Amino acid sequence: MEYNLAGINQSEVRHDIGLTFARILRAMLRQAPNIILVGEIRDQETADIAIQASLTGHLVFSTLHTNDAPSALTRLIDMGVKPFLAATAVMAVLAQRLVRTLCLTCRQPHEPAGTLLQAVGLKQADIAGRTLYRAVGCKECRFEGYRGRLGIFEMFTMDTLLRELVNNGASTMEIREQARLSGGLRSLREDGVRKVLDGTTTIEEILRVAGAVFAAGEESEL
């Protein structure tokens, strides 16, 4: 489905007639746009064109399927993008997940078990003086205990040290560690934990949505 937006040209991908991401990108670049939005980078050809567009002065926005923000760089390299090109072209990476928010009508104060706190890197001292809640369920939320959704995010911007790491073929873990040191990267887990401590959602919901991306032994910075 397309929307009529002033100043924006859109094109639908149709593989059955050969109208692919790569062909559309090449055609759009000939029109000298200022900003390009690519729905998803899924192969080397699309990645190469997006990288070249970025290097020639275009602002390119796109998505990648990865577990977290630092993995986006290694994912591009795995696709076949040369490390020095990925290091030069990428400006910032944002990862996001949607979590359900607690129903304000029926949520109840709750003290999670120690094992549950440990699963998200929390200690009893971290929740002292705070009220955590659990999902209950009522007519307002159709007896689900949750009503609405909220994003949890992690984002980092590239700097000289990160570009050097990527150019040298660093692992995702090394990129993550440097992003935390130089850019104050807050992980998906940490952002989720903040929303738990605010009474917005539950630990169970954070584990359900972002459990697969938790770093072993990572300490929460609250």
C-alpha atoms as a PDB file:
ATOM      1  CA  MET A   1       0.000   0.000   0.000  1.00  0.00           C
ATOM      2  CA  GLU A   2       1.291   3.459  -0.941  1.00  0.00           C
ATOM      3  CA  TYR A   3       0.554   6.848   0.551  1.00  0.00           C
ATOM      4  CA  ASN A   4       0.683  10.168  -1.265  1.00  0.00           C
ATOM      5  CA  LEU A   5       3.357  12.188   0.527  1.00  0.00           C
ATOM      6  CA  ALA A   6       4.585  15.549  -0.708  1.00  0.00           C
ATOM      7  CA  GLY A   7       8.207  15.476  -1.856  1.00  0.00           C
ATOM      8  CA  ILE A   8       8.514  11.677  -1.648  1.00  0.00           C
ATOM      9  CA  ASN A   9       8.726   9.272  -4.584  1.00  0.00           C
ATOM     10  CA  GLN A  10       7.851   5.631  -3.922  1.00  0.00           C
ATOM     11  CA  SER A  11       8.327   2.463  -5.917  1.00  0.00           C
ATOM     12  CA  GLU A  12       7.014  -1.039  -5.296  1.00  0.00           C
ATOM     13  CA  VAL A  13       9.295  -4.050  -5.644  1.00  0.00           C
ATOM     14  CA  ARG A  14       7.988  -6.590  -8.154  1.00  0.00           C
ATOM     15  CA  HIS A  15      10.289  -9.542  -8.621  1.00  0.00           C
ATOM     16  CA  ASP A  16       7.967 -11.136 -11.202  1.00  0.00           C
ATOM     17  CA  ILE A  17       8.873  -8.465 -13.765  1.00  0.00           C
ATOM     18  CA  GLY A  18      12.479  -8.011 -12.654  1.00  0.00           C
ATOM     19  CA  LEU A  19      11.813  -4.838 -10.656  1.00  0.00           C
ATOM     20  CA  THR A  20      14.137  -5.632  -7.750  1.00  0.00           C
ATOM     21  CA  PHE A  21      15.538  -3.575  -4.880  1.00  0.00           C
ATOM     22  CA  ALA A  22      18.830  -3.221  -6.704  1.00  0.00           C
ATOM     23  CA  ARG A  23      17.275  -2.059  -9.991  1.00  0.00           C
ATOM     24  CA  ILE A  24      15.057   0.489  -8.227  1.00  0.00           C
ATOM     25  CA  LEU A  25      18.015   1.836  -6.249  1.00  0.00           C
ATOM     26  CA  ARG A  26      20.088   2.293  -9.387  1.00  0.00           C
ATOM     27  CA  ALA A  27      17.214   4.128 -11.082  1.00  0.00           C
ATOM     28  CA  MET A  28      16.638   6.376  -8.070  1.00  0.00           C
ATOM     29  CA  LEU A  29      20.299   7.293  -7.776  1.00  0.00           C
ATOM     30  CA  ARG A  30      20.186   8.681 -11.306  1.00  0.00           C
ATOM     31  CA  GLN A  31      17.633  11.233 -10.027  1.00  0.00           C
ATOM     32  CA  ALA A  32      20.124  12.573  -7.435  1.00  0.00           C
ATOM     33  CA  PRO A  33      17.894  12.265  -4.331  1.00  0.00           C
ATOM     34  CA  ASN A  34      19.004  13.713  -1.010  1.00  0.00           C
ATOM     35  CA  ILE A  35      17.602  10.879   1.124  1.00  0.00           C
ATOM     36  CA  ILE A  36      16.980   7.235   0.227  1.00  0.00           C
ATOM     37  CA  LEU A  37      14.905   4.797   2.268  1.00  0.00           C
ATOM     38  CA  VAL A  38      15.509   1.125   1.482  1.00  0.00           C
ATOM     39  CA  GLY A  39      12.951  -1.162   3.113  1.00  0.00           C
ATOM     40  CA  GLU A  40      15.498  -3.874   3.836  1.00  0.00           C
ATOM     41  CA  ILE A  41      19.040  -4.815   2.853  1.00  0.00           C
ATOM     42  CA  ARG A  42      18.843  -8.539   2.204  1.00  0.00           C
ATOM     43  CA  ASP A  43      21.598  -9.351  -0.292  1.00  0.00           C
ATOM     44  CA  GLN A  44      25.046  -8.225  -1.366  1.00  0.00           C
ATOM     45  CA  GLU A  45      23.881  -6.352  -4.458  1.00  0.00           C
ATOM     46  CA  THR A  46      21.460  -4.177  -2.489  1.00  0.00           C
ATOM     47  CA  ALA A  47      24.047  -3.668   0.253  1.00  0.00           C
ATOM     48  CA  ASP A  48      26.725  -2.592  -2.229  1.00  0.00           C
ATOM     49  CA  ILE A  49      24.433  -0.060  -3.907  1.00  0.00           C
ATOM     50  CA  ALA A  50      23.270   1.346  -0.550  1.00  0.00           C
ATOM     51  CA  ILE A  51      26.885   1.659   0.623  1.00  0.00           C
ATOM     52  CA  GLN A  52      27.964   3.374  -2.603  1.00  0.00           C
ATOM     53  CA  ALA A  53      24.997   5.760  -2.355  1.00  0.00           C
ATOM     54  CA  SER A  54      26.057   6.657   1.181  1.00  0.00           C
ATOM     55  CA  LEU A  55      29.656   7.225   0.135  1.00  0.00           C
ATOM     56  CA  THR A  56      28.593   9.614  -2.624  1.00  0.00           C
ATOM     57  CA  GLY A  57      26.743  11.972  -0.296  1.00  0.00           C
ATOM     58  CA  HIS A  58      23.262  10.475   0.018  1.00  0.00           C
ATOM     59  CA  LEU A  59      21.642   9.872   3.395  1.00  0.00           C
ATOM     60  CA  VAL A  60      20.505   6.237   3.335  1.00  0.00           C
ATOM     61  CA  PHE A  61      18.087   4.676   5.821  1.00  0.00           C
ATOM     62  CA  SER A  62      17.473   0.938   5.811  1.00  0.00           C
ATOM     63  CA  THR A  63      16.802  -2.136   7.957  1.00  0.00           C
ATOM     64  CA  LEU A  64      18.693  -5.356   8.622  1.00  0.00           C
ATOM     65  CA  HIS A  65      17.642  -8.542  10.370  1.00  0.00           C
ATOM     66  CA  THR A  66      20.066  -8.883  13.299  1.00  0.00           C
ATOM     67  CA  ASN A  67      19.825  -9.643  17.013  1.00  0.00           C
ATOM     68  CA  ASP A  68      21.202  -6.300  18.168  1.00  0.00           C
ATOM     69  CA  ALA A  69      22.723  -3.053  16.950  1.00  0.00           C
ATOM     70  CA  PRO A  70      26.438  -4.055  16.853  1.00  0.00           C
ATOM     71  CA  SER A  71      25.571  -7.163  14.805  1.00  0.00           C
ATOM     72  CA  ALA A  72      24.467  -4.948  11.910  1.00  0.00           C
ATOM     73  CA  LEU A  73      28.081  -4.230  10.962  1.00  0.00           C
ATOM     74  CA  THR A  74      29.169  -7.859  10.983  1.00  0.00           C
ATOM     75  CA  ARG A  75      25.988  -8.734   9.076  1.00  0.00           C
ATOM     76  CA  LEU A  76      26.918  -6.317   6.279  1.00  0.00           C
ATOM     77  CA  ILE A  77      30.405  -7.813   6.122  1.00  0.00           C
ATOM     78  CA  ASP A  78      28.963 -11.340   6.044  1.00  0.00           C
ATOM     79  CA  MET A  79      26.878 -10.250   3.041  1.00  0.00           C
ATOM     80  CA  GLY A  80      30.066  -9.380   1.202  1.00  0.00           C
ATOM     81  CA  VAL A  81      30.525  -5.680   1.952  1.00  0.00           C
ATOM     82  CA  LYS A  82      34.212  -4.912   2.427  1.00  0.00           C
ATOM     83  CA  PRO A  83      35.021  -3.993   6.055  1.00  0.00           C
ATOM     84  CA  PHE A  84      36.574  -0.618   5.180  1.00  0.00           C
ATOM     85  CA  LEU A  85      33.430   0.331   3.213  1.00  0.00           C
ATOM     86  CA  ALA A  86      31.104  -0.673   6.057  1.00  0.00           C
ATOM     87  CA  ALA A  87      33.278   1.232   8.529  1.00  0.00           C
ATOM     88  CA  THR A  88      33.218   4.367   6.377  1.00  0.00           C
ATOM     89  CA  ALA A  89      29.586   4.385   5.252  1.00  0.00           C
ATOM     90  CA  VAL A  90      27.693   3.491   8.436  1.00  0.00           C
ATOM     91  CA  MET A  91      26.914   6.465  10.679  1.00  0.00           C
ATOM     92  CA  ALA A  92      24.641   4.956  13.339  1.00  0.00           C
ATOM     93  CA  VAL A  93      22.703   1.792  14.128  1.00  0.00           C
ATOM     94  CA  LEU A  94      19.452   1.501  16.091  1.00  0.00           C
ATOM     95  CA  ALA A  95      17.976  -1.797  17.302  1.00  0.00           C
ATOM     96  CA  GLN A  96      14.433  -2.013  18.619  1.00  0.00           C
ATOM     97  CA  ARG A  97      11.860  -4.402  20.051  1.00  0.00           C
ATOM     98  CA  LEU A  98       8.227  -3.899  21.061  1.00  0.00           C
ATOM     99  CA  VAL A  99       7.119  -4.926  24.544  1.00  0.00           C
ATOM    100  CA  ARG A 100       3.596  -4.973  25.923  1.00  0.00           C
ATOM    101  CA  THR A 101       2.814  -2.353  28.563  1.00  0.00           C
ATOM    102  CA  LEU A 102       0.984  -3.159  31.772  1.00  0.00           C
ATOM    103  CA  CYS A 103      -2.684  -2.371  32.104  1.00  0.00           C
ATOM    104  CA  LEU A 104      -2.864   0.527  34.560  1.00  0.00           C
ATOM    105  CA  THR A 105      -6.299  -0.576  35.751  1.00  0.00           C
ATOM    106  CA  CYS A 106      -5.378  -4.003  37.059  1.00  0.00           C
ATOM    107  CA  ARG A 107      -1.598  -4.160  37.530  1.00  0.00           C
ATOM    108  CA  GLN A 108      -0.593  -5.223  41.037  1.00  0.00           C
ATOM    109  CA  PRO A 109       2.563  -4.571  43.070  1.00  0.00           C
ATOM    110  CA  HIS A 110       4.801  -7.599  42.964  1.00  0.00           C
ATOM    111  CA  GLU A 111       8.178  -8.685  44.327  1.00  0.00           C
ATOM    112  CA  PRO A 112       9.886 -10.883  41.712  1.00  0.00           C
ATOM    113  CA  ALA A 113      11.819 -13.973  42.710  1.00  0.00           C
ATOM    114  CA  GLY A 114      15.572 -13.666  43.007  1.00  0.00           C
ATOM    115  CA  THR A 115      16.121 -15.913  39.994  1.00  0.00           C
ATOM    116  CA  LEU A 116      13.932 -13.651  37.865  1.00  0.00           C
ATOM    117  CA  LEU A 117      15.862 -10.578  38.932  1.00  0.00           C
ATOM    118  CA  GLN A 118      19.134 -12.335  38.188  1.00  0.00           C
ATOM    119  CA  ALA A 119      17.916 -13.213  34.699  1.00  0.00           C
ATOM    120  CA  VAL A 120      17.898  -9.517  33.770  1.00  0.00           C
ATOM    121  CA  GLY A 121      20.996  -8.578  35.753  1.00  0.00           C
ATOM    122  CA  LEU A 122      19.215  -7.001  38.721  1.00  0.00           C
ATOM    123  CA  LYS A 123      19.921  -7.368  42.426  1.00  0.00           C
ATOM    124  CA  GLN A 124      17.661  -6.813  45.410  1.00  0.00           C
ATOM    125  CA  ALA A 125      19.498  -3.557  46.104  1.00  0.00           C
ATOM    126  CA  ASP A 126      18.548  -2.284  42.632  1.00  0.00           C
ATOM    127  CA  ILE A 127      14.824  -2.477  43.374  1.00  0.00           C
ATOM    128  CA  ALA A 128      14.985  -1.047  46.892  1.00  0.00           C
ATOM    129  CA  GLY A 129      12.437   1.751  47.208  1.00  0.00           C
ATOM    130  CA  ARG A 130      10.858   0.923  43.844  1.00  0.00           C
ATOM    131  CA  THR A 131       7.528  -0.715  43.100  1.00  0.00           C
ATOM    132  CA  LEU A 132       7.503  -3.459  40.486  1.00  0.00           C
ATOM    133  CA  TYR A 133       4.244  -4.782  39.095  1.00  0.00           C
ATOM    134  CA  ARG A 134       2.827  -7.983  37.672  1.00  0.00           C
ATOM    135  CA  ALA A 135       0.180  -8.499  35.005  1.00  0.00           C
ATOM    136  CA  VAL A 136      -3.250  -9.554  36.298  1.00  0.00           C
ATOM    137  CA  GLY A 137      -6.041  -9.060  33.766  1.00  0.00           C
ATOM    138  CA  CYS A 138      -9.384  -7.286  33.720  1.00  0.00           C
ATOM    139  CA  LYS A 139     -12.143  -6.208  31.325  1.00  0.00           C
ATOM    140  CA  GLU A 140     -10.176  -3.106  30.320  1.00  0.00           C
ATOM    141  CA  CYS A 141      -7.322  -5.203  28.898  1.00  0.00           C
ATOM    142  CA  ARG A 142      -9.418  -8.220  27.851  1.00  0.00           C
ATOM    143  CA  PHE A 143      -7.982 -10.161  30.773  1.00  0.00           C
ATOM    144  CA  GLU A 144      -4.478 -10.138  29.314  1.00  0.00           C
ATOM    145  CA  GLY A 145      -2.864  -7.910  31.927  1.00  0.00           C
ATOM    146  CA  TYR A 146      -1.295  -5.760  29.223  1.00  0.00           C
ATOM    147  CA  ARG A 147      -2.644  -2.872  27.186  1.00  0.00           C
ATOM    148  CA  GLY A 148      -0.632  -1.196  24.441  1.00  0.00           C
ATOM    149  CA  ARG A 149       3.001  -1.530  23.412  1.00  0.00           C
ATOM    150  CA  LEU A 150       6.210   0.383  23.920  1.00  0.00           C
ATOM    151  CA  GLY A 151       9.600   0.249  22.250  1.00  0.00           C
ATOM    152  CA  ILE A 152      12.882  -0.736  23.864  1.00  0.00           C
ATOM    153  CA  PHE A 153      15.963   0.477  22.029  1.00  0.00           C
ATOM    154  CA  GLU A 154      19.735   0.378  21.774  1.00  0.00           C
ATOM    155  CA  MET A 155      21.698   2.750  19.586  1.00  0.00           C
ATOM    156  CA  PHE A 156      25.294   3.650  18.896  1.00  0.00           C
ATOM    157  CA  THR A 157      26.987   6.113  16.567  1.00  0.00           C
ATOM    158  CA  MET A 158      30.236   5.403  14.787  1.00  0.00           C
ATOM    159  CA  ASP A 159      33.449   7.095  15.846  1.00  0.00           C
ATOM    160  CA  THR A 160      37.112   6.730  14.914  1.00  0.00           C
ATOM    161  CA  LEU A 161      37.785   3.815  17.279  1.00  0.00           C
ATOM    162  CA  LEU A 162      34.712   1.879  16.166  1.00  0.00           C
ATOM    163  CA  ARG A 163      35.574   2.409  12.495  1.00  0.00           C
ATOM    164  CA  GLU A 164      39.081   1.095  13.149  1.00  0.00           C
ATOM    165  CA  LEU A 165      37.673  -2.015  14.856  1.00  0.00           C
ATOM    166  CA  VAL A 166      35.272  -2.729  12.001  1.00  0.00           C
ATOM    167  CA  ASN A 167      37.995  -2.159   9.423  1.00  0.00           C
ATOM    168  CA  ASN A 168      40.188  -4.678  11.248  1.00  0.00           C
ATOM    169  CA  GLY A 169      37.449  -7.324  11.286  1.00  0.00           C
ATOM    170  CA  ALA A 170      36.517  -7.095  14.973  1.00  0.00           C
ATOM    171  CA  SER A 171      33.838  -9.371  16.389  1.00  0.00           C
ATOM    172  CA  THR A 172      30.373  -8.214  17.415  1.00  0.00           C
ATOM    173  CA  MET A 173      31.369  -8.466  21.081  1.00  0.00           C
ATOM    174  CA  GLU A 174      34.406  -6.240  20.563  1.00  0.00           C
ATOM    175  CA  ILE A 175      32.283  -3.672  18.722  1.00  0.00           C
ATOM    176  CA  ARG A 176      29.703  -3.761  21.528  1.00  0.00           C
ATOM    177  CA  GLU A 177      32.333  -3.276  24.237  1.00  0.00           C
ATOM    178  CA  GLN A 178      33.868  -0.300  22.446  1.00  0.00           C
ATOM    179  CA  ALA A 179      30.442   1.232  21.777  1.00  0.00           C
ATOM    180  CA  ARG A 180      29.696   1.040  25.496  1.00  0.00           C
ATOM    181  CA  LEU A 181      33.013   2.687  26.343  1.00  0.00           C
ATOM    182  CA  SER A 182      33.009   5.469  23.768  1.00  0.00           C
ATOM    183  CA  GLY A 183      29.336   6.079  23.068  1.00  0.00           C
ATOM    184  CA  GLY A 184      27.581   4.953  26.219  1.00  0.00           C
ATOM    185  CA  LEU A 185      25.638   2.248  24.427  1.00  0.00           C
ATOM    186  CA  ARG A 186      22.651   1.103  26.469  1.00  0.00           C
ATOM    187  CA  SER A 187      21.603  -2.439  25.589  1.00  0.00           C
ATOM    188  CA  LEU A 188      18.090  -3.617  24.817  1.00  0.00           C
ATOM    189  CA  ARG A 189      18.085  -5.355  28.156  1.00  0.00           C
ATOM    190  CA  GLU A 190      19.108  -2.253  30.057  1.00  0.00           C
ATOM    191  CA  ASP A 191      16.455  -0.135  28.357  1.00  0.00           C
ATOM    192  CA  GLY A 192      13.891  -2.839  29.096  1.00  0.00           C
ATOM    193  CA  VAL A 193      14.950  -3.004  32.749  1.00  0.00           C
ATOM    194  CA  ARG A 194      14.498   0.752  33.073  1.00  0.00           C
ATOM    195  CA  LYS A 195      10.930   0.376  31.878  1.00  0.00           C
ATOM    196  CA  VAL A 196      10.389  -2.443  34.382  1.00  0.00           C
ATOM    197  CA  LEU A 197      11.634  -0.205  37.194  1.00  0.00           C
ATOM    198  CA  ASP A 198       9.320   2.561  35.971  1.00  0.00           C
ATOM    199  CA  GLY A 199       6.355   0.211  36.362  1.00  0.00           C
ATOM    200  CA  THR A 200       5.665   0.238  32.633  1.00  0.00           C
ATOM    201  CA  THR A 201       6.141  -3.469  31.908  1.00  0.00           C
ATOM    202  CA  THR A 202       7.288  -6.709  33.550  1.00  0.00           C
ATOM    203  CA  ILE A 203      10.493  -8.713  33.722  1.00  0.00           C
ATOM    204  CA  GLU A 204       8.676 -11.630  32.092  1.00  0.00           C
ATOM    205  CA  GLU A 205       7.822  -9.445  29.111  1.00  0.00           C
ATOM    206  CA  ILE A 206      11.412  -8.260  28.717  1.00  0.00           C
ATOM    207  CA  LEU A 207      12.635 -11.852  28.823  1.00  0.00           C
ATOM    208  CA  ARG A 208      10.026 -12.899  26.276  1.00  0.00           C
ATOM    209  CA  VAL A 209      10.938 -10.202  23.790  1.00  0.00           C
ATOM    210  CA  ALA A 210      14.668  -9.680  24.282  1.00  0.00           C
ATOM    211  CA  GLY A 211      15.845 -12.790  26.113  1.00  0.00           C
ATOM    212  CA  ALA A 212      17.790 -14.036  23.102  1.00  0.00           C
ATOM    213  CA  VAL A 213      19.957 -10.898  22.939  1.00  0.00           C
ATOM    214  CA  PHE A 214      21.027 -10.753  26.577  1.00  0.00           C
ATOM    215  CA  ALA A 215      24.788 -10.718  26.962  1.00  0.00           C
ATOM    216  CA  ALA A 216      26.133 -13.270  29.418  1.00  0.00           C
ATOM    217  CA  GLY A 217      27.439 -11.639  32.560  1.00  0.00           C
ATOM    218  CA  GLU A 218      26.478  -8.126  31.454  1.00  0.00           C
ATOM    219  CA  GLU A 219      25.883  -5.736  34.319  1.00  0.00           C
ATOM    220  CA  SER A 220      22.987  -3.318  34.189  1.00  0.00           C
ATOM    221  CA  GLU A 221      23.880   0.354  34.519  1.00  0.00           C
ATOM    222  CA  LEU A 222      20.860   1.962  36.173  1.00  0.00           C
END
